Protein backbone atom coordinates (compact mmCIF):
# COMPACT_ATOMS: atom_id res chain seq x y z
CA UNK A 1 0.00 0.00 0.00
CA UNK A 2 1.35 3.42 -0.96
CA UNK A 3 0.96 6.52 1.21
CA UNK A 4 0.61 10.09 -0.04
CA UNK A 5 0.82 13.03 2.35
CA UNK A 6 -0.52 16.53 1.83
CA UNK A 7 0.28 19.34 4.27
CA UNK A 8 -2.16 22.26 4.47
CA UNK A 9 -0.96 25.52 6.04
CA UNK A 10 -3.48 27.97 7.50
CA UNK A 11 -1.85 31.38 7.43
CA UNK A 12 -2.91 34.81 8.64
CA UNK A 13 -5.80 35.45 10.98
CA UNK A 14 -8.38 33.24 9.29
CA UNK A 15 -10.51 31.81 12.08
CA UNK A 16 -12.18 29.51 9.54
CA UNK A 17 -8.94 27.54 9.64
CA UNK A 18 -9.79 26.31 13.14
CA UNK A 19 -12.78 24.32 11.88
CA UNK A 20 -11.40 23.22 8.50
CA UNK A 21 -11.95 19.62 7.37
CA UNK A 22 -10.87 17.94 4.10
CA UNK A 23 -13.35 18.09 1.20
CA UNK A 24 -14.84 14.90 -0.16
CA UNK A 25 -15.91 11.61 1.39
CA UNK A 26 -14.00 8.88 3.19
CA UNK A 27 -11.69 11.01 5.33
CA UNK A 28 -11.11 9.75 8.87
CA UNK A 29 -9.71 11.93 11.63
CA UNK A 30 -6.97 10.04 13.46
CA UNK A 31 -4.54 12.35 15.25
CA UNK A 32 -4.13 15.80 16.74
CA UNK A 33 -1.52 17.97 18.47
CA UNK A 34 -1.03 21.56 19.63
CA UNK A 35 -0.97 23.00 16.10
CA UNK A 36 -2.08 20.23 13.78
CA UNK A 37 -4.82 17.74 12.90
CA UNK A 38 -4.40 14.69 10.67
CA UNK A 39 -6.92 12.88 8.45
CA UNK A 40 -6.42 9.72 6.36
CA UNK A 41 -8.32 8.25 3.42
CA UNK A 42 -7.86 4.84 1.80
CA UNK A 43 -8.62 4.86 -1.93
CA UNK A 44 -8.59 2.20 -4.65
CA UNK A 45 -6.65 3.39 -7.70
CA UNK A 46 -6.09 1.89 -11.13
CA UNK A 47 -2.49 1.67 -12.27
CA UNK A 48 -1.11 2.12 -15.80
CA UNK A 49 -1.14 -1.67 -16.37
CA UNK A 50 -4.82 -1.72 -15.32
CA UNK A 51 -4.04 -3.44 -12.04
CA UNK A 52 -5.45 -1.91 -8.88
CA UNK A 53 -3.90 -1.00 -5.55
CA UNK A 54 -4.81 0.71 -2.35
CA UNK A 55 -3.38 4.14 -1.62
CA UNK A 56 -3.51 5.87 1.76
CA UNK A 57 -3.85 9.63 1.48
CA UNK A 58 -2.97 11.73 4.52
CA UNK A 59 -3.69 15.40 5.08
CA UNK A 60 -2.02 17.31 7.91
CA UNK A 61 -3.58 20.71 8.59
CA UNK A 62 -1.20 23.10 10.37
CA UNK A 63 -2.06 26.41 12.00
CA UNK A 64 -0.58 28.01 15.10
CA UNK A 65 -2.95 27.77 18.05
CA UNK A 66 -5.27 25.42 16.18
CA UNK A 67 -6.05 23.33 19.28
CA UNK A 68 -6.37 23.81 23.02
CA UNK A 69 -5.56 21.30 25.75
CA UNK A 70 -8.42 20.17 27.99
CA UNK A 71 -7.76 17.48 30.61
CA UNK A 72 -4.73 16.26 28.68
CA UNK A 73 -6.59 16.05 25.35
CA UNK A 74 -6.07 18.41 22.40
CA UNK A 75 -9.44 19.72 21.20
CA UNK A 76 -10.19 22.14 18.34
CA UNK A 77 -9.97 25.77 19.43
CA UNK A 78 -13.30 27.60 19.29
CA UNK A 79 -12.51 31.25 20.11
CA UNK A 80 -15.45 33.36 21.20
CA UNK A 81 -16.09 36.72 22.85
CA UNK A 82 -18.69 36.99 25.58
CA UNK A 83 -19.99 40.28 26.99
CA UNK A 84 -19.95 39.97 30.78
CA UNK A 85 -20.28 42.32 33.71
CA UNK A 86 -17.41 44.77 33.61
CA UNK A 87 -16.03 43.83 30.20
CA UNK A 88 -15.53 41.07 27.63
CA UNK A 89 -14.52 37.49 28.37
CA UNK A 90 -12.39 35.78 25.70
CA UNK A 91 -12.50 32.00 25.82
CA UNK A 92 -12.13 28.87 23.69
CA UNK A 93 -8.56 29.39 22.44
CA UNK A 94 -5.28 28.24 23.98
CA UNK A 95 -5.32 31.14 26.42
CA UNK A 96 -8.24 32.98 27.98
CA UNK A 97 -8.48 36.71 28.62
CA UNK A 98 -10.62 39.42 30.18
CA UNK A 99 -10.86 42.87 28.59
CA UNK A 100 -12.23 45.59 30.86
CA UNK A 101 -15.17 47.72 29.75
CA UNK A 102 -12.93 50.79 30.16
CA UNK A 103 -9.34 50.53 28.91
CA UNK A 104 -8.30 53.26 31.36
CA UNK A 105 -8.66 51.07 34.46
CA UNK A 106 -6.15 49.16 36.56
CA UNK A 107 -5.51 45.68 35.18
CA UNK A 108 -7.68 46.38 32.15
CA UNK A 109 -6.15 43.47 30.21
CA UNK A 110 -5.93 40.15 32.06
CA UNK A 111 -4.58 36.98 30.46
CA UNK A 112 -4.89 33.44 31.80
CA UNK A 113 -2.23 31.05 30.52
CA UNK A 114 -1.28 27.70 32.05
CA UNK A 115 -3.22 28.52 35.19
CA UNK A 116 -1.46 31.85 35.79
CA UNK A 117 -2.91 35.34 35.43
CA UNK A 118 -1.01 38.25 33.90
CA UNK A 119 -2.41 41.77 34.30
CA UNK A 120 -1.48 44.49 31.83
CA UNK A 121 -2.15 48.19 31.46
CA UNK A 122 -1.65 50.05 28.22
CA UNK A 123 -0.17 53.41 29.24
CA UNK A 124 0.28 55.31 26.01
CA UNK A 125 2.39 56.12 22.97
CA UNK A 126 5.84 57.65 23.00
CA UNK A 127 8.89 58.39 20.92
CA UNK A 128 12.08 56.75 22.11
CA UNK A 129 15.63 57.28 20.86
CA UNK A 130 18.52 54.84 20.82
CA UNK A 131 19.72 56.15 24.19
CA UNK A 132 16.39 55.33 25.83
CA UNK A 133 15.19 58.95 26.12
CA UNK A 134 11.39 59.10 25.90
CA UNK A 135 8.88 61.77 24.96
CA UNK A 136 5.24 60.95 25.64
CA UNK A 137 2.89 61.63 22.72
CA UNK A 138 -0.40 60.39 24.16
CA UNK A 139 -1.77 58.56 27.18
CA UNK A 140 -4.74 56.23 27.50
CA UNK A 141 -8.03 57.90 28.35
CA UNK A 142 -11.47 56.57 29.29
CA UNK A 143 -12.80 54.57 26.32
CA UNK A 144 -15.37 51.82 25.97
CA UNK A 145 -14.84 48.25 24.79
CA UNK A 146 -16.92 47.39 21.71
CA UNK A 147 -17.17 43.91 20.23
CA UNK A 148 -16.43 44.76 16.60
CA UNK A 149 -16.54 41.21 15.20
CA UNK A 150 -16.56 37.59 16.30
CA UNK A 151 -12.87 37.84 17.20
CA UNK A 152 -12.11 41.54 17.78
CA UNK A 153 -12.71 44.10 20.52
CA UNK A 154 -12.05 47.78 19.76
CA UNK A 155 -11.51 50.74 22.09
CA UNK A 156 -12.24 53.78 19.91
CA UNK A 157 -10.58 57.11 20.67
CA UNK A 158 -8.27 55.45 23.18
CA UNK A 159 -5.70 58.23 23.58
CA UNK A 160 -5.51 61.75 24.89
CA UNK A 161 -2.69 64.06 23.73
CA UNK A 162 -1.30 66.88 25.82
CA UNK A 163 1.10 67.80 23.03
CA UNK A 164 0.62 69.07 19.50
CA UNK A 165 -0.03 67.65 17.02
CA UNK A 166 -2.61 65.46 18.71
CA UNK A 167 -2.91 61.74 17.93
CA UNK A 168 -6.17 60.06 17.00
CA UNK A 169 -5.97 56.28 17.44
CA UNK A 170 -8.00 53.23 18.43
CA UNK A 171 -6.83 50.06 20.17
CA UNK A 172 -7.95 46.68 18.85
CA UNK A 173 -7.53 43.29 20.51
CA UNK A 174 -7.87 40.22 18.31
CA UNK A 175 -8.55 36.98 20.12
CA UNK A 176 -7.62 33.58 18.73
CA UNK A 177 -4.73 34.79 16.56
CA UNK A 178 -2.12 32.08 17.00
CA UNK A 179 -4.09 30.83 19.99
CA UNK A 180 -3.53 34.08 21.88
CA UNK A 181 -4.41 37.76 22.11
CA UNK A 182 -3.01 40.34 19.71
CA UNK A 183 -2.92 44.08 20.34
CA UNK A 184 -3.11 46.53 17.42
CA UNK A 185 -2.78 50.31 17.53
CA UNK A 186 -4.90 51.79 14.73
CA UNK A 187 -3.58 55.26 13.97
CA UNK A 188 -6.28 57.58 12.59
CA UNK A 189 -3.91 60.49 12.18
CA UNK A 190 -0.21 60.80 11.50
CA UNK A 191 1.93 61.53 14.58
CA UNK A 192 4.22 64.52 14.46
CA UNK A 193 7.80 63.88 13.45
CA UNK A 194 10.50 63.54 16.13
CA UNK A 195 11.84 67.06 15.55
CA UNK A 196 8.40 68.42 16.45
CA UNK A 197 9.24 67.26 19.99
CA UNK A 198 12.84 68.51 20.00
CA UNK A 199 14.21 65.08 19.15
CA UNK A 200 16.63 64.02 16.47
CA UNK A 201 15.09 62.94 13.19
CA UNK A 202 17.30 59.85 13.13
CA UNK A 203 16.81 56.49 14.88
CA UNK A 204 13.52 57.32 16.59
CA UNK A 205 10.91 54.67 17.41
CA UNK A 206 7.21 55.08 18.01
CA UNK A 207 6.58 52.70 20.91
CA UNK A 208 3.64 51.42 22.89
CA UNK A 209 4.16 51.64 26.65
CA UNK A 210 2.56 48.88 28.69
CA UNK A 211 2.64 48.53 32.46
CA UNK A 212 4.09 45.12 33.19
CA UNK A 213 7.56 46.13 34.16
CA UNK A 214 7.22 49.02 31.70
CA UNK A 215 7.67 46.93 28.57
CA UNK A 216 7.93 48.91 25.35
CA UNK A 217 7.09 47.53 21.93
CA UNK A 218 8.09 49.40 18.80
CA UNK A 219 5.34 49.90 16.23
CA UNK A 220 7.10 52.21 13.77
CA UNK A 221 10.17 54.29 13.10
CA UNK A 222 11.33 57.46 11.40
CA UNK A 223 14.44 57.26 9.25
């Protein structure tokens, strides 16, 4: 018996990949893991000499965060967002999370992973140079969580600017991407250039400041 293997990659943030199954009849599901599921199909084929033989076809579907572990068993991830008192509960993927109704509250973003909670606070946007000097551009203000789609929560008008030019931006959290929670800053206006804030034009980063030991993540640069 011959065996043929096909590997299917699910790329990007396509949640339909979580529930994908092979087209056609005769496919049997027989294995799973953290990021893959495997199906097999036994087919009778006719060879060039008109003899027949059995061929086993295997399809391995790969996508990061495809499955979640429950009681030692890998089950298909089924990410969903539930409105609850005080915010939005994210469940069904490899991690779970709670997003507060107001982003400008202590511990607004809470993530549960392997039985441990991590609390985060988005503080604001800043320019940072290669020496670590920082100039704040905008800080988080009171803004309401809105479930924008089956996998996304948006905080519109999330920032307040004390400087000029002001920054208009939203914050979006996408749940289920790679089995986790992704944060996006959606700029609605162009920030001023570094020299507008008495900084050098060279080697400046636009960073997101988050309160968990004051981590900074770069989201853009001026060169």
